[in-house]
């Protein structure tokens, strides 16, 4: 397990601790669990943003699907 020391605004810290105590309780480790959960959510959201950016770049650049191997739709079905 890693240890991170951070500084946050007092009002944010108080609000966060209040919400953590309501959701996770006041047992030992509750604050760490909540911070870990928040960090995981943040990481997930950033990864999704990166995926979306890359997809938009691909759309802007264009995507070649290859050439058609048939001239008419009826060639796809045996009749």
Protein backbone atom coordinates (compact mmCIF):
# COMPACT_ATOMS: atom_id res chain seq x y z
CA UNK A 1 0.00 0.00 0.00
CA UNK A 2 1.25 3.47 -0.82
CA UNK A 3 1.10 6.63 1.20
CA UNK A 4 0.27 10.00 -0.34
CA UNK A 5 0.38 13.27 1.53
CA UNK A 6 -1.79 15.98 -0.02
CA UNK A 7 -3.08 19.42 0.89
CA UNK A 8 -6.71 20.30 0.25
CA UNK A 9 -8.85 23.27 1.15
CA UNK A 10 -10.33 23.07 4.66
CA UNK A 11 -13.95 23.35 3.50
CA UNK A 12 -13.46 20.53 0.97
CA UNK A 13 -11.84 18.33 3.61
CA UNK A 14 -14.66 18.90 6.12
CA UNK A 15 -17.33 18.18 3.52
CA UNK A 16 -15.50 15.05 2.32
CA UNK A 17 -15.07 13.71 5.85
CA UNK A 18 -18.76 14.36 6.56
CA UNK A 19 -19.87 12.44 3.46
CA UNK A 20 -17.39 9.61 4.17
CA UNK A 21 -18.72 9.20 7.71
CA UNK A 22 -22.29 8.95 6.39
CA UNK A 23 -21.47 6.45 3.63
CA UNK A 24 -18.57 4.41 5.01
CA UNK A 25 -18.95 5.08 8.73
CA UNK A 26 -16.32 6.25 11.18
CA UNK A 27 -14.35 3.02 11.44
CA UNK A 28 -10.61 2.97 10.90
CA UNK A 29 -9.70 3.09 7.23
CA UNK A 30 -12.97 4.62 6.04
CA UNK A 31 -11.28 7.76 4.78
CA UNK A 32 -8.70 5.71 2.88
CA UNK A 33 -11.42 3.58 1.29
CA UNK A 34 -13.30 6.67 0.14
CA UNK A 35 -10.19 8.32 -1.27
CA UNK A 36 -9.24 5.11 -3.09
CA UNK A 37 -12.76 4.92 -4.54
CA UNK A 38 -12.56 8.56 -5.66
CA UNK A 39 -9.16 8.01 -7.25
CA UNK A 40 -10.38 4.90 -9.11
CA UNK A 41 -13.36 6.82 -10.45
CA UNK A 42 -11.13 9.70 -11.54
CA UNK A 43 -8.74 7.31 -13.32
CA UNK A 44 -11.65 5.57 -15.09
CA UNK A 45 -13.12 8.88 -16.26
CA UNK A 46 -9.77 10.10 -17.59
CA UNK A 47 -9.23 6.84 -19.47
CA UNK A 48 -12.70 7.13 -21.01
CA UNK A 49 -11.96 10.72 -22.06
CA UNK A 50 -8.75 9.55 -23.74
CA UNK A 51 -10.61 6.76 -25.57
CA UNK A 52 -13.24 9.25 -26.75
CA UNK A 53 -10.59 11.71 -27.97
CA UNK A 54 -8.82 8.98 -29.94
CA UNK A 55 -12.11 7.82 -31.46
CA UNK A 56 -12.97 11.37 -32.54
CA UNK A 57 -9.53 11.75 -34.12
CA UNK A 58 -10.10 8.53 -36.07
CA UNK A 59 -13.49 9.80 -37.25
CA UNK A 60 -12.01 13.12 -38.35
CA UNK A 61 -9.18 11.38 -40.17
CA UNK A 62 -11.48 8.85 -41.79
CA UNK A 63 -11.44 5.11 -41.77
CA UNK A 64 -11.02 2.86 -44.80
CA UNK A 65 -13.15 -0.25 -44.65
CA UNK A 66 -11.59 -1.72 -47.77
CA UNK A 67 -13.17 -2.31 -51.12
CA UNK A 68 -16.47 -3.96 -51.77
CA UNK A 69 -16.25 -7.52 -53.01
CA UNK A 70 -19.65 -7.39 -54.66
CA UNK A 71 -21.44 -5.09 -57.08
CA UNK A 72 -24.99 -5.72 -56.07
CA UNK A 73 -26.71 -6.70 -52.84
CA UNK A 74 -28.21 -9.79 -54.48
CA UNK A 75 -24.71 -11.24 -54.86
CA UNK A 76 -24.56 -11.64 -51.10
CA UNK A 77 -27.42 -14.13 -50.99
CA UNK A 78 -27.85 -17.42 -52.77
CA UNK A 79 -31.19 -17.58 -54.51
